[in-house]
Amino acid sequence: MMEASGSKDAKGFNTYGSDSNKQVYIYGGLDFSPTILNRAYGMTWSIGGWLLMRFLGKLDKKRVGELYQKVAMEINTTFASSYTKELSLEEALQPENVALYNAKKTGEKYLIVPNKG
């Protein structure tokens, strides 16, 4: 375990583990169950959510522009996406489709296309 390796050279009595900070980010929120932490990784750690818009809000306009340009250049490779189904606005309001795209699971994405006939 990383924490055991990190604290193996600790001097004296130490019940807090290594002094190396461990940072855990939670991406997404499909699973609404409690986040359970295992204290075996010591006491020097942080946990938080990572949210794109808040991250971008901390950057200057030049850097945000560079990141937008990167996405535009790599839209068909790094940032490519595929969809389980494309829905018109009318289809998006049908109860059976609402149940599909509102399900909290991975592996399926639905694209709502406003001008789809």
N, C-alpha and C. Protein backbone atom coordinates (compact mmCIF):
# COMPACT_ATOMS: atom_id res chain seq x y z
N MET A 1 0.84 -1.17 0.00
CA MET A 1 0.00 0.00 0.00
C MET A 1 0.89 1.24 0.00
N MET A 2 0.46 2.28 -0.73
CA MET A 2 1.24 3.49 -0.87
C MET A 2 1.49 4.15 0.49
N GLU A 3 0.52 4.20 1.36
CA GLU A 3 0.70 4.85 2.66
C GLU A 3 1.71 4.11 3.51
N ALA A 4 1.69 2.80 3.50
CA ALA A 4 2.67 2.01 4.26
C ALA A 4 4.07 2.30 3.75
N SER A 5 4.22 2.39 2.44
CA SER A 5 5.52 2.69 1.85
C SER A 5 5.97 4.11 2.20
N GLY A 6 5.04 5.05 2.18
CA GLY A 6 5.36 6.44 2.45
C GLY A 6 5.73 6.72 3.88
N SER A 7 5.26 5.91 4.82
CA SER A 7 5.54 6.17 6.24
C SER A 7 6.55 5.19 6.83
N LYS A 8 7.16 4.35 6.02
CA LYS A 8 8.08 3.33 6.55
C LYS A 8 9.32 3.94 7.19
N ASP A 9 9.72 5.13 6.77
CA ASP A 9 10.92 5.77 7.32
C ASP A 9 10.60 6.80 8.40
N ALA A 10 9.35 6.82 8.88
CA ALA A 10 8.96 7.80 9.90
C ALA A 10 9.77 7.60 11.16
N LYS A 11 10.15 8.70 11.79
CA LYS A 11 10.95 8.67 13.02
C LYS A 11 10.03 8.84 14.23
N GLY A 12 10.29 8.08 15.27
CA GLY A 12 9.53 8.23 16.52
C GLY A 12 8.12 7.70 16.41
N PHE A 13 7.34 8.02 17.42
CA PHE A 13 5.95 7.57 17.50
C PHE A 13 5.10 8.39 16.52
N ASN A 14 4.41 7.69 15.63
CA ASN A 14 3.64 8.39 14.61
C ASN A 14 2.36 7.61 14.35
N THR A 15 1.25 8.16 14.79
CA THR A 15 -0.04 7.50 14.55
C THR A 15 -0.81 8.14 13.39
N TYR A 16 -0.19 9.12 12.75
CA TYR A 16 -0.90 9.85 11.70
C TYR A 16 -0.52 9.46 10.29
N GLY A 17 0.43 8.57 10.11
CA GLY A 17 0.85 8.16 8.78
C GLY A 17 1.87 9.11 8.20
N SER A 18 2.11 8.98 6.90
CA SER A 18 3.13 9.81 6.25
C SER A 18 2.68 11.27 6.20
N ASP A 19 3.65 12.15 5.95
CA ASP A 19 3.29 13.56 5.83
C ASP A 19 3.09 13.97 4.36
N SER A 20 3.00 12.98 3.47
CA SER A 20 2.71 13.25 2.06
C SER A 20 1.21 13.44 1.89
N ASN A 21 0.83 14.59 1.34
CA ASN A 21 -0.60 14.85 1.14
C ASN A 21 -1.15 13.99 0.01
N LYS A 22 -2.28 13.37 0.25
CA LYS A 22 -3.00 12.61 -0.76
C LYS A 22 -4.25 13.42 -1.12
N GLN A 23 -4.46 13.68 -2.40
CA GLN A 23 -5.62 14.44 -2.85
C GLN A 23 -6.52 13.52 -3.66
N VAL A 24 -7.79 13.45 -3.28
CA VAL A 24 -8.77 12.62 -3.97
C VAL A 24 -9.81 13.55 -4.59
N TYR A 25 -10.09 13.36 -5.89
CA TYR A 25 -11.13 14.13 -6.55
C TYR A 25 -12.28 13.19 -6.91
N ILE A 26 -13.48 13.65 -6.70
CA ILE A 26 -14.67 12.90 -7.10
C ILE A 26 -15.15 13.53 -8.40
N TYR A 27 -15.22 12.72 -9.45
CA TYR A 27 -15.69 13.17 -10.74
C TYR A 27 -17.10 12.63 -10.95
N GLY A 28 -18.03 13.50 -11.27
CA GLY A 28 -19.38 13.06 -11.55
C GLY A 28 -20.14 12.71 -10.28
N GLY A 29 -21.39 12.42 -10.45
CA GLY A 29 -22.21 12.11 -9.29
C GLY A 29 -23.32 11.12 -9.60
N LEU A 30 -22.99 10.09 -10.35
CA LEU A 30 -24.00 9.09 -10.67
C LEU A 30 -24.38 8.25 -9.46
N ASP A 31 -23.45 8.05 -8.57
CA ASP A 31 -23.67 7.23 -7.38
C ASP A 31 -23.93 8.17 -6.21
N PHE A 32 -25.16 8.18 -5.71
CA PHE A 32 -25.54 9.08 -4.62
C PHE A 32 -25.30 8.49 -3.24
N SER A 33 -24.72 7.29 -3.18
CA SER A 33 -24.46 6.69 -1.87
C SER A 33 -23.34 7.45 -1.17
N PRO A 34 -23.21 7.31 0.14
CA PRO A 34 -22.16 8.03 0.87
C PRO A 34 -20.77 7.65 0.37
N THR A 35 -19.87 8.62 0.41
CA THR A 35 -18.47 8.37 0.08
C THR A 35 -17.80 7.84 1.33
N ILE A 36 -17.28 6.64 1.27
CA ILE A 36 -16.69 5.98 2.43
C ILE A 36 -15.17 6.08 2.32
N LEU A 37 -14.56 6.59 3.36
CA LEU A 37 -13.11 6.77 3.37
C LEU A 37 -12.47 5.73 4.28
N ASN A 38 -11.34 5.19 3.84
CA ASN A 38 -10.59 4.21 4.61
C ASN A 38 -9.42 4.93 5.27
N ARG A 39 -9.41 5.02 6.58
CA ARG A 39 -8.39 5.80 7.28
C ARG A 39 -7.01 5.14 7.23
N ALA A 40 -6.88 4.00 6.60
CA ALA A 40 -5.58 3.34 6.49
C ALA A 40 -4.60 4.16 5.66
N TYR A 41 -5.08 5.14 4.91
CA TYR A 41 -4.14 5.95 4.13
C TYR A 41 -3.68 7.18 4.88
N GLY A 42 -3.71 7.13 6.19
CA GLY A 42 -3.15 8.19 7.02
C GLY A 42 -4.11 9.35 7.20
N MET A 43 -3.59 10.43 7.77
CA MET A 43 -4.43 11.57 8.09
C MET A 43 -4.10 12.82 7.28
N THR A 44 -3.17 12.72 6.35
CA THR A 44 -2.79 13.88 5.55
C THR A 44 -3.39 13.72 4.16
N TRP A 45 -4.65 14.14 4.02
CA TRP A 45 -5.33 13.97 2.75
C TRP A 45 -6.44 15.01 2.61
N SER A 46 -6.90 15.16 1.40
CA SER A 46 -8.01 16.06 1.09
C SER A 46 -8.91 15.35 0.09
N ILE A 47 -10.18 15.72 0.10
CA ILE A 47 -11.12 15.16 -0.86
C ILE A 47 -12.01 16.29 -1.35
N GLY A 48 -12.34 16.26 -2.62
CA GLY A 48 -13.20 17.30 -3.16
C GLY A 48 -13.73 16.91 -4.52
N GLY A 49 -14.67 17.68 -5.00
CA GLY A 49 -15.22 17.46 -6.33
C GLY A 49 -14.44 18.26 -7.34
N TRP A 50 -14.41 17.80 -8.57
CA TRP A 50 -13.76 18.54 -9.65
C TRP A 50 -14.84 18.94 -10.63
N LEU A 51 -15.04 20.25 -10.78
CA LEU A 51 -16.09 20.77 -11.65
C LEU A 51 -15.47 21.65 -12.73
N LEU A 52 -15.73 21.32 -13.96
CA LEU A 52 -15.10 22.00 -15.09
C LEU A 52 -15.34 23.51 -15.07
N MET A 53 -16.58 23.94 -14.92
CA MET A 53 -16.87 25.37 -15.02
C MET A 53 -16.21 26.16 -13.89
N ARG A 54 -16.12 25.59 -12.72
CA ARG A 54 -15.44 26.28 -11.62
C ARG A 54 -13.93 26.33 -11.87
N PHE A 55 -13.39 25.26 -12.44
CA PHE A 55 -11.97 25.25 -12.82
C PHE A 55 -11.69 26.35 -13.84
N LEU A 56 -12.51 26.43 -14.88
CA LEU A 56 -12.32 27.45 -15.91
C LEU A 56 -12.47 28.85 -15.33
N GLY A 57 -13.35 29.01 -14.35
CA GLY A 57 -13.57 30.32 -13.73
C GLY A 57 -12.36 30.84 -12.98
N LYS A 58 -11.44 29.97 -12.62
CA LYS A 58 -10.23 30.37 -11.90
C LYS A 58 -9.10 30.78 -12.84
N LEU A 59 -9.27 30.52 -14.13
CA LEU A 59 -8.21 30.79 -15.10
C LEU A 59 -8.40 32.16 -15.75
N ASP A 60 -7.30 32.72 -16.25
CA ASP A 60 -7.43 33.97 -16.99
C ASP A 60 -7.98 33.67 -18.39
N LYS A 61 -8.49 34.71 -19.04
CA LYS A 61 -9.15 34.54 -20.34
C LYS A 61 -8.23 33.93 -21.39
N LYS A 62 -6.96 34.27 -21.35
CA LYS A 62 -6.02 33.72 -22.33
C LYS A 62 -5.94 32.21 -22.20
N ARG A 63 -5.81 31.70 -20.98
CA ARG A 63 -5.70 30.26 -20.77
C ARG A 63 -7.00 29.55 -21.14
N VAL A 64 -8.13 30.14 -20.80
CA VAL A 64 -9.42 29.54 -21.18
C VAL A 64 -9.50 29.45 -22.70
N GLY A 65 -9.08 30.50 -23.39
CA GLY A 65 -9.07 30.48 -24.86
C GLY A 65 -8.19 29.38 -25.41
N GLU A 66 -7.03 29.17 -24.79
CA GLU A 66 -6.13 28.09 -25.22
C GLU A 66 -6.79 26.73 -25.04
N LEU A 67 -7.49 26.54 -23.94
CA LEU A 67 -8.15 25.26 -23.69
C LEU A 67 -9.31 25.04 -24.66
N TYR A 68 -10.08 26.09 -24.93
CA TYR A 68 -11.16 25.97 -25.91
C TYR A 68 -10.59 25.61 -27.28
N GLN A 69 -9.46 26.22 -27.64
CA GLN A 69 -8.82 25.92 -28.93
C GLN A 69 -8.36 24.46 -28.97
N LYS A 70 -7.82 23.97 -27.87
CA LYS A 70 -7.38 22.56 -27.80
C LYS A 70 -8.56 21.62 -28.04
N VAL A 71 -9.68 21.91 -27.39
CA VAL A 71 -10.87 21.08 -27.58
C VAL A 71 -11.32 21.14 -29.04
N ALA A 72 -11.34 22.33 -29.62
CA ALA A 72 -11.76 22.47 -31.02
C ALA A 72 -10.85 21.68 -31.95
N MET A 73 -9.55 21.70 -31.70
CA MET A 73 -8.60 20.98 -32.56
C MET A 73 -8.70 19.46 -32.40
N GLU A 74 -9.13 19.00 -31.22
CA GLU A 74 -9.15 17.57 -30.93
C GLU A 74 -10.57 17.01 -30.76
N ILE A 75 -11.55 17.72 -31.33
CA ILE A 75 -12.95 17.33 -31.13
C ILE A 75 -13.27 15.95 -31.71
N ASN A 76 -12.52 15.50 -32.71
CA ASN A 76 -12.77 14.19 -33.30
C ASN A 76 -11.82 13.11 -32.81
N THR A 77 -10.93 13.46 -31.88
CA THR A 77 -9.99 12.48 -31.34
C THR A 77 -10.12 12.43 -29.82
N THR A 78 -9.32 13.23 -29.13
CA THR A 78 -9.31 13.22 -27.66
C THR A 78 -10.69 13.47 -27.07
N PHE A 79 -11.42 14.41 -27.65
CA PHE A 79 -12.71 14.82 -27.09
C PHE A 79 -13.90 14.28 -27.88
N ALA A 80 -13.67 13.24 -28.66
CA ALA A 80 -14.75 12.65 -29.44
C ALA A 80 -15.79 12.03 -28.51
N SER A 81 -17.02 12.05 -28.95
CA SER A 81 -18.10 11.49 -28.15
C SER A 81 -19.03 10.70 -29.05
N SER A 82 -19.67 9.72 -28.48
CA SER A 82 -20.68 8.97 -29.21
C SER A 82 -21.93 8.91 -28.33
N TYR A 83 -23.05 8.74 -28.97
CA TYR A 83 -24.32 8.79 -28.25
C TYR A 83 -25.11 7.51 -28.49
N THR A 84 -25.81 7.10 -27.46
CA THR A 84 -26.68 5.94 -27.56
C THR A 84 -27.84 6.24 -28.49
N LYS A 85 -28.34 7.49 -28.37
CA LYS A 85 -29.49 7.87 -29.17
C LYS A 85 -29.55 9.39 -29.28
N GLU A 86 -29.97 9.87 -30.45
CA GLU A 86 -30.22 11.30 -30.63
C GLU A 86 -31.72 11.51 -30.58
N LEU A 87 -32.14 12.50 -29.79
CA LEU A 87 -33.56 12.75 -29.59
C LEU A 87 -33.94 14.15 -30.03
N SER A 88 -35.10 14.28 -30.67
CA SER A 88 -35.65 15.61 -30.95
C SER A 88 -36.22 16.15 -29.63
N LEU A 89 -36.59 17.44 -29.62
CA LEU A 89 -37.21 17.99 -28.41
C LEU A 89 -38.50 17.24 -28.08
N GLU A 90 -39.27 16.93 -29.10
CA GLU A 90 -40.52 16.19 -28.88
C GLU A 90 -40.24 14.81 -28.29
N GLU A 91 -39.26 14.11 -28.84
CA GLU A 91 -38.90 12.78 -28.32
C GLU A 91 -38.35 12.87 -26.89
N ALA A 92 -37.64 13.95 -26.59
CA ALA A 92 -37.06 14.12 -25.26
C ALA A 92 -38.12 14.25 -24.18
N LEU A 93 -39.32 14.65 -24.56
CA LEU A 93 -40.41 14.82 -23.59
C LEU A 93 -41.25 13.57 -23.40
N GLN A 94 -41.03 12.56 -24.20
CA GLN A 94 -41.79 11.31 -24.06
C GLN A 94 -41.32 10.57 -22.81
N PRO A 95 -42.26 10.15 -21.96
CA PRO A 95 -41.89 9.52 -20.67
C PRO A 95 -40.88 8.38 -20.79
N GLU A 96 -41.01 7.55 -21.82
CA GLU A 96 -40.07 6.42 -21.94
C GLU A 96 -38.65 6.92 -22.22
N ASN A 97 -38.51 8.02 -22.96
CA ASN A 97 -37.18 8.57 -23.21
C ASN A 97 -36.64 9.32 -22.00
N VAL A 98 -37.51 10.01 -21.28
CA VAL A 98 -37.08 10.68 -20.04
C VAL A 98 -36.49 9.65 -19.09
N ALA A 99 -37.15 8.50 -18.97
CA ALA A 99 -36.64 7.44 -18.09
C ALA A 99 -35.27 6.95 -18.55
N LEU A 100 -35.04 6.91 -19.85
CA LEU A 100 -33.75 6.45 -20.37
C LEU A 100 -32.63 7.45 -20.06
N TYR A 101 -32.83 8.73 -20.43
CA TYR A 101 -31.72 9.67 -20.26
C TYR A 101 -31.57 10.18 -18.84
N ASN A 102 -32.56 9.94 -17.99
CA ASN A 102 -32.45 10.35 -16.59
C ASN A 102 -31.86 9.24 -15.71
N ALA A 103 -31.66 8.06 -16.26
CA ALA A 103 -31.09 6.96 -15.48
C ALA A 103 -29.67 7.32 -15.06
N LYS A 104 -29.32 7.01 -13.84
CA LYS A 104 -27.99 7.32 -13.31
C LYS A 104 -27.07 6.13 -13.54
N LYS A 105 -26.50 6.06 -14.74
CA LYS A 105 -25.60 4.95 -15.06
C LYS A 105 -24.58 5.40 -16.09
N THR A 106 -23.51 4.67 -16.16
CA THR A 106 -22.46 5.00 -17.12
C THR A 106 -22.66 4.22 -18.41
N GLY A 107 -21.97 4.65 -19.45
CA GLY A 107 -21.98 3.90 -20.70
C GLY A 107 -23.05 4.31 -21.68
N GLU A 108 -23.94 5.22 -21.30
CA GLU A 108 -24.98 5.67 -22.22
C GLU A 108 -25.10 7.18 -22.15
N LYS A 109 -25.17 7.81 -23.33
CA LYS A 109 -25.38 9.25 -23.40
C LYS A 109 -26.44 9.51 -24.46
N TYR A 110 -27.25 10.50 -24.18
CA TYR A 110 -28.31 10.88 -25.10
C TYR A 110 -28.10 12.33 -25.51
N LEU A 111 -28.21 12.60 -26.80
CA LEU A 111 -28.03 13.95 -27.33
C LEU A 111 -29.39 14.48 -27.76
N ILE A 112 -29.76 15.63 -27.21
CA ILE A 112 -31.00 16.28 -27.61
C ILE A 112 -30.66 17.26 -28.73
N VAL A 113 -31.25 17.03 -29.89
CA VAL A 113 -30.98 17.83 -31.09
C VAL A 113 -32.23 18.66 -31.38
N PRO A 114 -32.22 19.95 -31.03
CA PRO A 114 -33.42 20.78 -31.15
C PRO A 114 -34.01 20.84 -32.56
N ASN A 115 -33.18 20.80 -33.59
CA ASN A 115 -33.70 20.93 -34.96
C ASN A 115 -33.96 19.59 -35.63
N LYS A 116 -33.90 18.49 -34.86
CA LYS A 116 -34.20 17.18 -35.44
C LYS A 116 -35.70 17.08 -35.66
N GLY A 117 -36.10 16.61 -36.86
CA GLY A 117 -37.51 16.55 -37.22
C GLY A 117 -38.25 15.38 -36.70
